[in-house]
Amino acid sequence: MAYTQGDIDALKAAIAAGALRVKFGSGPDSREVEYRSLSDMNEILRTMLAEVSPGSTQARPRVSVVQHCRD
């Protein structure tokens, strides 16, 4: 299953609210998942973050450094 940033945001919001039920998406493609525990939610969140941002367990913005030298 391909996770999206929207899925991550929905799960983080549910964790912050202390809810065990999360609705992902909207319209006919929406789905609702009820987790057994906060531990389960944190485990799937780590999985989502790893899939959306390969090589990292946390989504981080990209940073570019530009250097200009004038002689």
Protein backbone atom coordinates (compact mmCIF):
# COMPACT_ATOMS: atom_id res chain seq x y z
CA MET A 1 0.00 0.00 0.00
CA ALA A 2 1.32 3.42 -0.90
CA TYR A 3 0.98 5.91 1.92
CA THR A 4 0.64 9.63 1.37
CA GLN A 5 1.50 12.71 3.40
CA GLY A 6 -2.24 13.05 4.02
CA ASP A 7 -2.28 9.60 5.64
CA ILE A 8 0.64 10.61 7.86
CA ASP A 9 -1.07 13.87 8.84
CA ALA A 10 -4.35 12.07 9.67
CA LEU A 11 -2.58 9.50 11.84
CA LYS A 12 -0.53 12.17 13.65
CA ALA A 13 -3.71 14.15 14.36
CA ALA A 14 -5.44 11.05 15.77
CA ILE A 15 -2.43 10.25 17.97
CA ALA A 16 -2.37 13.84 19.26
CA ALA A 17 -6.10 13.68 20.03
CA GLY A 18 -5.83 10.31 21.75
CA ALA A 19 -8.21 8.68 19.26
CA LEU A 20 -7.81 5.06 18.18
CA ARG A 21 -9.98 5.43 15.06
CA VAL A 22 -8.62 7.24 12.00
CA LYS A 23 -10.36 8.18 8.75
CA PHE A 24 -8.00 8.28 5.78
CA GLY A 25 -8.97 10.09 2.58
CA SER A 26 -12.34 11.44 1.56
CA GLY A 27 -15.19 10.49 -0.73
CA PRO A 28 -15.55 6.99 -2.17
CA ASP A 29 -11.83 6.25 -1.65
CA SER A 30 -11.94 6.96 2.09
CA ARG A 31 -11.31 4.26 4.64
CA GLU A 32 -11.54 4.08 8.41
CA VAL A 33 -9.15 2.12 10.60
CA GLU A 34 -9.47 1.36 14.30
CA TYR A 35 -6.17 0.60 16.04
CA ARG A 36 -5.81 -1.52 19.16
CA SER A 37 -3.34 0.75 20.90
CA LEU A 38 -1.20 3.86 20.72
CA SER A 39 1.76 1.53 20.28
CA ASP A 40 0.20 0.11 17.09
CA MET A 41 -0.41 3.62 15.80
CA ASN A 42 3.18 4.67 16.42
CA GLU A 43 4.46 1.54 14.68
CA ILE A 44 2.42 2.19 11.54
CA LEU A 45 3.42 5.86 11.64
CA ARG A 46 7.09 4.82 11.52
CA THR A 47 6.27 2.57 8.55
CA MET A 48 4.46 5.40 6.77
CA LEU A 49 7.32 7.85 7.34
CA ALA A 50 9.88 5.34 6.06
CA GLU A 51 7.85 4.72 2.90
CA VAL A 52 7.13 8.36 2.13
CA SER A 53 10.69 9.45 2.93
CA PRO A 54 13.02 6.52 2.08
CA GLY A 55 16.30 6.42 3.98
CA SER A 56 14.88 8.38 6.88
CA THR A 57 12.53 7.55 9.73
CA GLN A 58 11.35 11.14 9.89
CA ALA A 59 10.14 13.34 7.08
CA ARG A 60 12.58 16.23 6.74
CA PRO A 61 12.59 19.10 4.26
CA ARG A 62 15.38 19.19 1.73
CA VAL A 63 17.98 21.88 2.20
CA SER A 64 20.12 23.34 -0.57
CA VAL A 65 23.21 25.45 0.01
CA VAL A 66 24.35 27.85 -2.67
CA GLN A 67 27.73 29.44 -2.61
CA HIS A 68 28.88 32.25 -4.86
CA CYS A 69 32.45 33.46 -5.13
CA ARG A 70 33.37 36.70 -6.85
CA ASP A 71 37.00 37.14 -7.81
